Amino acid sequence: MKSRFHFVTFIPVLFFYFMLNPIWASPLKKPLSFEHITQKEGLSSNMVFSIAIQGDEVWFGTYEGGATLYDKAKKTYKHFTTKGEPIIKVDDGESIRWKNHLAYNHVSVITPDRDRIWFGTYFYGFGGGGISYYSVNRTPPWKTFTTNDGRAKKVNAISVDGDSLWVGSEKGLNLLDKKAEGWKQFFSMRDGLSGNFVNSILVESDHIWIATSGGISRLQKSKRIWKNYSQKDGLTETEIKALAKVGGRIWAGGIGGHLFEYDSASDRWKRLDPSDSLKNGGINSIAVTKDRVLICRDNGISLYSLAGGQWESLTTSDGLLSNMVFCAAEDKNGIWFGTDKGASRLILNP
């Protein structure tokens, strides 16, 4: 069954193809064209932490506003919160656990799957938070999970791995069995994880890479063997915020703004040196489109051309709503950016 979800992935292209298509290596043509969406247009909250593309539909995960579904073709907005769908009219005494709903209104991560879309939430109090999924083939469409005894309450990362789901939280790494729809395992520093606060997860065929508050961990799935990477292994920052697959390479971003690339031959990390003016800004996430790597920072966006190797920057001076950029996702003719003041869409093919 073909997936109806659009994944932000890198598509390998041969060198001679770039030679025949040099436009791919060109910098962005300025002045740039942007579309902006805020609460005035229909967002449930201006602080956008996560974005996922589903055809003409764009999902926004927001702070305190739940999830907003924007239909680009129809120009309509729909909000999903802990009040459920349909809204529950009678409170059964456990208002934080409304039926058929999003787990909580602070949506930190949205991850598309084959037949559903996963939402990770971040809850500061007692009893709420965790993960939910939304499936149009399910009645009701929402399914909310327990917080795995509180270990998956403040969720920062979700990654699909076949019939499994890896969920990173402030307490460690959780493993969910998608078929049984139940929690299967949990890993923390006591089991070999480099830090309990998990920021990002990258799935490979036999390895799981985990960015944590204490460095980077790699788990060999078949043998359950851990390998941790820290400053002695080339990382000049302790807390790693982001991981991304860039072609056959793995990139990592530190909370302080440094970029790293994994060298499999030496089993070490080497620091990259971007040439753009934003290179020292703190990193929130890394997204990879078909022809660029997007480094979302607290002072704008660093863009790296996969074809030409050039670095360039995007800030409010180019048309962004804000320089505090949390996430990015590509649609068929543009790139969406989530900021603390709303969402900006860079239009690449008007």
Protein backbone atom coordinates (compact mmCIF):
# COMPACT_ATOMS: atom_id res chain seq x y z
CA MET A 1 0.00 0.00 0.00
CA LYS A 2 1.44 3.31 -1.04
CA SER A 3 1.84 5.83 1.76
CA ARG A 4 -0.44 8.85 1.68
CA PHE A 5 1.97 10.77 3.87
CA HIS A 6 4.80 12.93 2.54
CA PHE A 7 8.15 12.38 4.24
CA VAL A 8 10.92 14.97 4.32
CA THR A 9 13.74 12.85 2.90
CA PHE A 10 16.93 13.17 0.86
CA ILE A 11 16.88 11.68 -2.64
CA PRO A 12 20.37 10.62 -3.82
CA VAL A 13 21.30 12.01 -7.24
CA LEU A 14 24.36 11.13 -9.29
CA PHE A 15 27.07 13.66 -9.91
CA PHE A 16 26.56 13.77 -13.69
CA TYR A 17 22.92 14.67 -13.12
CA PHE A 18 24.00 17.77 -11.24
CA MET A 19 26.31 18.64 -14.12
CA LEU A 20 23.36 18.47 -16.51
CA ASN A 21 21.18 20.45 -14.12
CA PRO A 22 23.38 23.19 -12.64
CA ILE A 23 20.33 25.20 -11.48
CA TRP A 24 20.11 22.86 -8.48
CA ALA A 25 23.38 24.27 -7.23
CA SER A 26 22.26 27.89 -7.50
CA PRO A 27 21.59 30.00 -4.41
CA LEU A 28 18.05 31.15 -3.70
CA LYS A 29 16.97 33.97 -5.96
CA LYS A 30 16.26 37.10 -3.95
CA PRO A 31 14.02 38.90 -3.19
CA LEU A 32 12.19 35.86 -1.83
CA SER A 33 8.46 35.24 -1.74
CA PHE A 34 6.82 34.12 1.53
CA GLU A 35 3.37 33.14 2.73
CA HIS A 36 2.70 33.66 6.44
CA ILE A 37 0.16 31.98 8.72
CA THR A 38 -0.58 33.20 12.24
CA GLN A 39 -3.49 33.08 14.66
CA LYS A 40 -5.04 35.87 12.62
CA GLU A 41 -5.26 33.54 9.62
CA GLY A 42 -6.32 30.45 11.58
CA LEU A 43 -3.46 28.92 13.58
CA SER A 44 -4.47 27.77 17.05
CA SER A 45 -1.24 29.25 18.47
CA ASN A 46 1.58 31.32 17.02
CA MET A 47 4.33 29.15 18.51
CA VAL A 48 4.86 26.32 16.00
CA PHE A 49 7.14 23.50 17.18
CA SER A 50 6.46 20.89 14.49
CA ILE A 51 5.16 20.62 10.92
CA ALA A 52 4.15 17.62 8.79
CA ILE A 53 2.95 17.61 5.17
CA GLN A 54 0.15 15.35 3.93
CA GLY A 55 -0.58 16.24 0.29
CA ASP A 56 -2.38 19.59 0.31
CA GLU A 57 -2.81 19.32 4.08
CA VAL A 58 -0.31 20.80 6.52
CA TRP A 59 -0.26 19.81 10.20
CA PHE A 60 1.11 22.30 12.72
CA GLY A 61 2.03 21.28 16.26
CA THR A 62 1.76 24.27 18.55
CA TYR A 63 2.41 25.37 22.11
CA GLU A 64 -0.81 25.27 24.16
CA GLY A 65 -2.98 25.32 21.01
CA GLY A 66 -2.88 21.63 20.13
CA ALA A 67 -2.63 20.70 16.45
CA THR A 68 -3.87 22.80 13.53
CA LEU A 69 -4.74 21.16 10.20
CA TYR A 70 -4.50 23.58 7.28
CA ASP A 71 -5.92 22.61 3.87
CA LYS A 72 -3.99 24.62 1.30
CA ALA A 73 -6.46 23.92 -1.52
CA LYS A 74 -9.57 24.81 0.47
CA LYS A 75 -7.87 27.48 2.62
CA THR A 76 -9.52 26.03 5.72
CA TYR A 77 -8.27 25.46 9.26
CA LYS A 78 -9.26 22.79 11.77
CA HIS A 79 -8.09 22.62 15.39
CA PHE A 80 -7.53 19.47 17.44
CA THR A 81 -7.08 19.71 21.19
CA THR A 82 -7.74 17.73 24.37
CA LYS A 83 -11.43 18.52 23.94
CA GLY A 84 -11.70 15.70 21.44
CA GLU A 85 -13.41 15.05 18.11
CA PRO A 86 -16.31 15.26 18.48
CA ILE A 87 -16.09 17.44 21.58
CA ILE A 88 -17.09 15.61 24.73
CA LYS A 89 -19.99 17.52 26.29
CA VAL A 90 -19.93 15.86 29.69
CA ASP A 91 -16.81 15.84 31.89
CA ASP A 92 -16.45 12.44 33.55
CA GLY A 93 -14.27 13.86 36.33
CA GLU A 94 -10.95 13.32 34.55
CA SER A 95 -10.92 16.32 32.28
CA ILE A 96 -7.26 15.89 31.28
CA ARG A 97 -8.16 12.47 29.87
CA TRP A 98 -10.88 13.46 27.43
CA LYS A 99 -11.87 10.63 25.10
CA ASN A 100 -10.91 10.53 21.39
CA HIS A 101 -8.44 13.37 21.66
CA LEU A 102 -4.94 14.70 21.37
CA ALA A 103 -2.89 13.68 24.43
CA TYR A 104 -2.14 17.30 25.36
CA ASN A 105 -2.20 20.77 23.82
CA HIS A 106 1.56 21.32 23.76
CA VAL A 107 2.48 19.38 20.59
CA SER A 108 6.24 18.99 20.40
CA VAL A 109 6.58 16.57 17.47
CA ILE A 110 4.50 15.27 14.54
CA THR A 111 5.66 12.14 12.70
CA PRO A 112 3.89 10.69 9.62
CA ASP A 113 3.45 6.92 9.38
CA ARG A 114 2.11 4.61 6.68
CA ASP A 115 -1.54 4.75 7.72
CA ARG A 116 -1.60 7.32 10.52
CA ILE A 117 0.16 10.34 11.91
CA TRP A 118 1.77 10.42 15.36
CA PHE A 119 1.69 13.34 17.79
CA GLY A 120 4.08 13.72 20.71
CA THR A 121 3.10 16.11 23.48
CA TYR A 122 4.90 17.70 26.40
CA PHE A 123 3.05 17.97 29.71
CA TYR A 124 4.36 19.73 32.81
CA GLY A 125 1.72 18.61 35.32
CA PHE A 126 0.32 15.31 36.51
CA GLY A 127 -1.69 12.76 34.56
CA GLY A 128 -1.49 14.13 31.01
CA GLY A 129 0.89 14.24 28.07
CA GLY A 130 2.35 11.41 26.01
CA ILE A 131 1.52 10.35 22.47
CA SER A 132 -1.53 10.00 20.24
CA TYR A 133 -2.12 9.02 16.65
CA TYR A 134 -4.69 10.23 14.16
CA SER A 135 -6.01 7.91 11.44
CA VAL A 136 -8.80 8.74 9.01
CA ASN A 137 -9.54 5.00 8.76
CA ARG A 138 -10.27 4.73 12.49
CA THR A 139 -13.52 5.52 14.31
CA PRO A 140 -12.98 7.62 16.32
CA PRO A 141 -9.87 8.86 14.45
CA TRP A 142 -7.79 9.55 17.58
CA LYS A 143 -6.02 6.97 19.75
CA THR A 144 -4.23 8.11 22.91
CA PHE A 145 -1.69 6.01 24.80
CA THR A 146 -0.60 5.84 28.41
CA THR A 147 2.61 7.60 29.39
CA ASN A 148 4.42 4.30 30.08
CA ASP A 149 4.31 4.88 33.84
CA GLY A 150 5.29 8.51 33.36
CA ARG A 151 8.35 7.69 31.24
CA ALA A 152 6.79 9.01 28.01
CA LYS A 153 5.02 12.09 29.31
CA LYS A 154 7.32 14.86 28.07
CA VAL A 155 7.92 13.69 24.50
CA ASN A 156 10.60 15.34 22.37
CA ALA A 157 11.12 12.87 19.50
CA ILE A 158 9.24 10.12 17.63
CA SER A 159 10.64 7.86 14.90
CA VAL A 160 8.90 5.05 13.01
CA ASP A 161 10.75 1.73 12.67
CA GLY A 162 8.53 -0.77 10.83
CA ASP A 163 6.11 -2.22 13.37
CA SER A 164 7.83 -0.33 16.19
CA LEU A 165 7.79 3.26 17.33
CA TRP A 166 10.71 4.87 19.16
CA VAL A 167 9.67 7.65 21.50
CA GLY A 168 12.20 9.96 23.16
CA SER A 169 11.29 11.82 26.33
CA GLU A 170 12.95 13.67 29.20
CA LYS A 171 13.39 10.34 30.97
CA GLY A 172 14.84 8.18 28.22
CA LEU A 173 13.99 6.08 25.17
CA ASN A 174 10.65 4.25 24.92
CA LEU A 175 9.76 1.48 22.47
CA LEU A 176 6.13 0.97 21.42
CA ASP A 177 4.77 -2.12 19.64
CA LYS A 178 2.48 -0.67 16.98
CA LYS A 179 0.62 -3.95 16.30
CA ALA A 180 -0.11 -4.65 19.97
CA GLU A 181 -0.49 -0.90 20.58
CA GLY A 182 1.39 -1.18 23.83
CA TRP A 183 4.71 -0.22 25.39
CA LYS A 184 7.43 -2.83 24.94
CA GLN A 185 10.72 -1.54 26.39
CA PHE A 186 12.36 1.44 28.02
CA PHE A 187 16.02 2.52 28.05
CA SER A 188 17.75 5.09 30.26
CA MET A 189 21.29 5.84 31.38
CA ARG A 190 21.14 2.73 33.56
CA ASP A 191 20.81 0.68 30.36
CA GLY A 192 23.56 2.47 28.45
CA LEU A 193 21.97 5.66 27.11
CA SER A 194 24.35 8.66 27.14
CA GLY A 195 21.74 10.97 28.69
CA ASN A 196 18.15 10.61 29.84
CA PHE A 197 16.85 13.67 27.99
CA VAL A 198 16.29 12.48 24.40
CA ASN A 199 16.09 15.27 21.78
CA SER A 200 16.16 13.41 18.46
CA ILE A 201 16.04 9.86 17.07
CA LEU A 202 17.38 8.57 13.75
CA VAL A 203 16.47 5.04 12.56
CA GLU A 204 18.73 2.96 10.32
CA SER A 205 18.36 -0.69 9.30
CA ASP A 206 20.21 -2.15 12.30
CA HIS A 207 20.99 0.94 14.37
CA ILE A 208 19.12 3.58 16.30
CA TRP A 209 20.94 6.89 16.78
CA ILE A 210 19.81 8.97 19.76
CA ALA A 211 20.71 12.62 20.44
CA THR A 212 20.64 13.26 24.18
CA SER A 213 21.58 15.72 26.89
CA GLY A 214 24.80 13.75 27.34
CA GLY A 215 25.97 13.25 23.74
CA ILE A 216 24.98 10.73 21.08
CA SER A 217 24.12 7.06 21.60
CA ARG A 218 23.93 4.29 19.02
CA LEU A 219 21.94 1.14 19.73
CA GLN A 220 22.52 -1.96 17.61
CA LYS A 221 18.99 -3.34 17.40
CA SER A 222 19.74 -7.00 16.76
CA LYS A 223 22.23 -7.45 19.61
CA ARG A 224 21.17 -4.58 21.91
CA ILE A 225 24.73 -3.25 22.03
CA TRP A 226 25.25 0.39 23.02
CA LYS A 227 27.94 2.77 21.84
CA ASN A 228 28.14 6.31 23.23
CA TYR A 229 29.87 9.33 21.68
CA SER A 230 31.04 12.36 23.63
CA GLN A 231 33.78 14.98 23.51
CA LYS A 232 36.51 12.35 23.32
CA ASP A 233 34.86 11.11 20.12
CA GLY A 234 34.88 14.50 18.38
CA LEU A 235 31.75 16.16 19.77
CA THR A 236 32.65 19.56 21.13
CA GLU A 237 29.21 20.00 22.71
CA THR A 238 27.63 17.92 25.44
CA GLU A 239 23.96 18.27 24.52
CA ILE A 240 22.97 17.29 20.99
CA LYS A 241 19.63 18.61 19.74
CA ALA A 242 19.24 17.18 16.23
CA LEU A 243 20.14 14.24 13.99
CA ALA A 244 19.54 13.88 10.25
CA LYS A 245 20.53 11.59 7.39
CA VAL A 246 22.20 13.61 4.65
CA GLY A 247 22.66 11.18 1.77
CA GLY A 248 24.82 8.40 3.17
CA ARG A 249 26.10 10.61 6.00
CA ILE A 250 24.77 11.48 9.43
CA TRP A 251 24.73 15.05 10.67
CA ALA A 252 24.22 16.20 14.23
CA GLY A 253 23.51 19.64 15.67
CA GLY A 254 24.47 20.84 19.14
CA ILE A 255 22.44 23.09 21.38
CA GLY A 256 25.23 25.67 21.18
CA GLY A 257 25.11 25.81 17.38
CA HIS A 258 27.89 23.49 16.22
CA LEU A 259 27.38 20.98 13.41
CA PHE A 260 28.99 17.54 13.27
CA GLU A 261 29.30 14.75 10.72
CA TYR A 262 29.86 11.09 11.55
CA ASP A 263 32.92 9.41 9.99
CA SER A 264 32.22 5.69 9.88
CA ALA A 265 35.83 4.82 8.98
CA SER A 266 37.22 6.25 12.21
CA ASP A 267 33.98 5.83 14.21
CA ARG A 268 34.27 9.45 15.26
CA TRP A 269 32.51 12.75 14.72
CA LYS A 270 34.11 15.68 12.94
CA ARG A 271 32.99 19.26 13.29
CA LEU A 272 31.66 20.99 10.19
CA ASP A 273 32.36 24.65 9.53
CA PRO A 274 29.43 26.38 7.80
CA SER A 275 30.36 29.60 6.03
CA ASP A 276 27.05 31.42 6.51
CA SER A 277 26.64 34.29 8.97
CA LEU A 278 24.32 32.37 11.32
CA LYS A 279 26.69 29.51 12.06
CA ASN A 280 26.93 30.26 15.78
CA GLY A 281 23.20 30.30 16.45
CA GLY A 282 21.73 27.56 18.65
CA ILE A 283 20.30 24.61 16.70
CA ASN A 284 16.70 23.46 17.22
CA SER A 285 16.35 20.90 14.41
CA ILE A 286 17.73 19.75 11.04
CA ALA A 287 15.54 19.01 8.02
CA VAL A 288 16.64 17.58 4.67
CA THR A 289 14.77 18.37 1.46
CA LYS A 290 15.45 17.06 -2.03
CA ASP A 291 18.23 19.56 -2.64
CA ARG A 292 19.05 21.32 0.63
CA VAL A 293 19.85 20.81 4.30
CA LEU A 294 17.99 23.24 6.55
CA ILE A 295 19.50 24.08 9.93
CA CYS A 296 16.77 25.65 12.07
CA ARG A 297 18.41 27.97 14.58
CA ASP A 298 17.49 30.53 17.20
CA ASN A 299 18.81 33.29 14.92
CA GLY A 300 17.42 32.15 11.56
CA ILE A 301 18.01 29.33 9.08
CA SER A 302 21.27 28.05 7.63
CA LEU A 303 20.82 26.42 4.23
CA TYR A 304 23.30 24.05 2.63
CA SER A 305 23.08 23.19 -1.08
CA LEU A 306 23.53 19.44 -1.58
CA ALA A 307 24.53 19.94 -5.19
CA GLY A 308 26.91 22.87 -4.97
CA GLY A 309 28.02 22.82 -1.34
CA GLN A 310 27.21 26.50 -0.76
CA TRP A 311 25.92 27.91 2.50
CA GLU A 312 23.40 30.75 2.74
CA SER A 313 21.10 32.18 5.40
CA LEU A 314 17.47 33.19 5.83
CA THR A 315 16.32 35.71 8.44
CA THR A 316 13.56 38.25 8.99
CA SER A 317 15.41 40.56 6.61
CA ASP A 318 14.58 38.06 3.85
CA GLY A 319 10.92 37.82 4.86
CA LEU A 320 10.74 35.28 7.70
CA LEU A 321 8.21 35.99 10.45
CA SER A 322 10.83 35.43 13.16
CA ASN A 323 14.45 34.40 13.56
CA MET A 324 13.51 31.85 16.23
CA VAL A 325 12.95 28.84 13.96
CA PHE A 326 11.99 25.50 15.47
CA CYS A 327 11.30 23.25 12.47
CA ALA A 328 11.01 22.94 8.69
CA ALA A 329 9.17 20.71 6.21
CA GLU A 330 9.00 20.65 2.41
CA ASP A 331 5.87 20.53 0.26
CA LYS A 332 5.68 20.22 -3.52
CA ASN A 333 6.59 23.84 -4.27
CA GLY A 334 7.87 25.38 -1.08
CA ILE A 335 9.32 24.98 2.40
CA TRP A 336 7.45 25.63 5.66
CA PHE A 337 9.18 27.02 8.73
CA GLY A 338 7.74 26.95 12.24
CA THR A 339 8.65 29.94 14.42
CA ASP A 340 7.61 31.54 17.71
CA LYS A 341 5.47 34.02 15.78
CA GLY A 342 3.70 31.69 13.37
CA ALA A 343 4.55 29.73 10.23
CA SER A 344 6.38 31.05 7.16
CA ARG A 345 6.31 29.29 3.80
CA LEU A 346 9.12 30.01 1.35
CA ILE A 347 7.61 29.76 -2.12
CA LEU A 348 10.12 28.14 -4.48
CA ASN A 349 7.92 27.44 -7.51
CA PRO A 350 5.14 30.05 -7.72
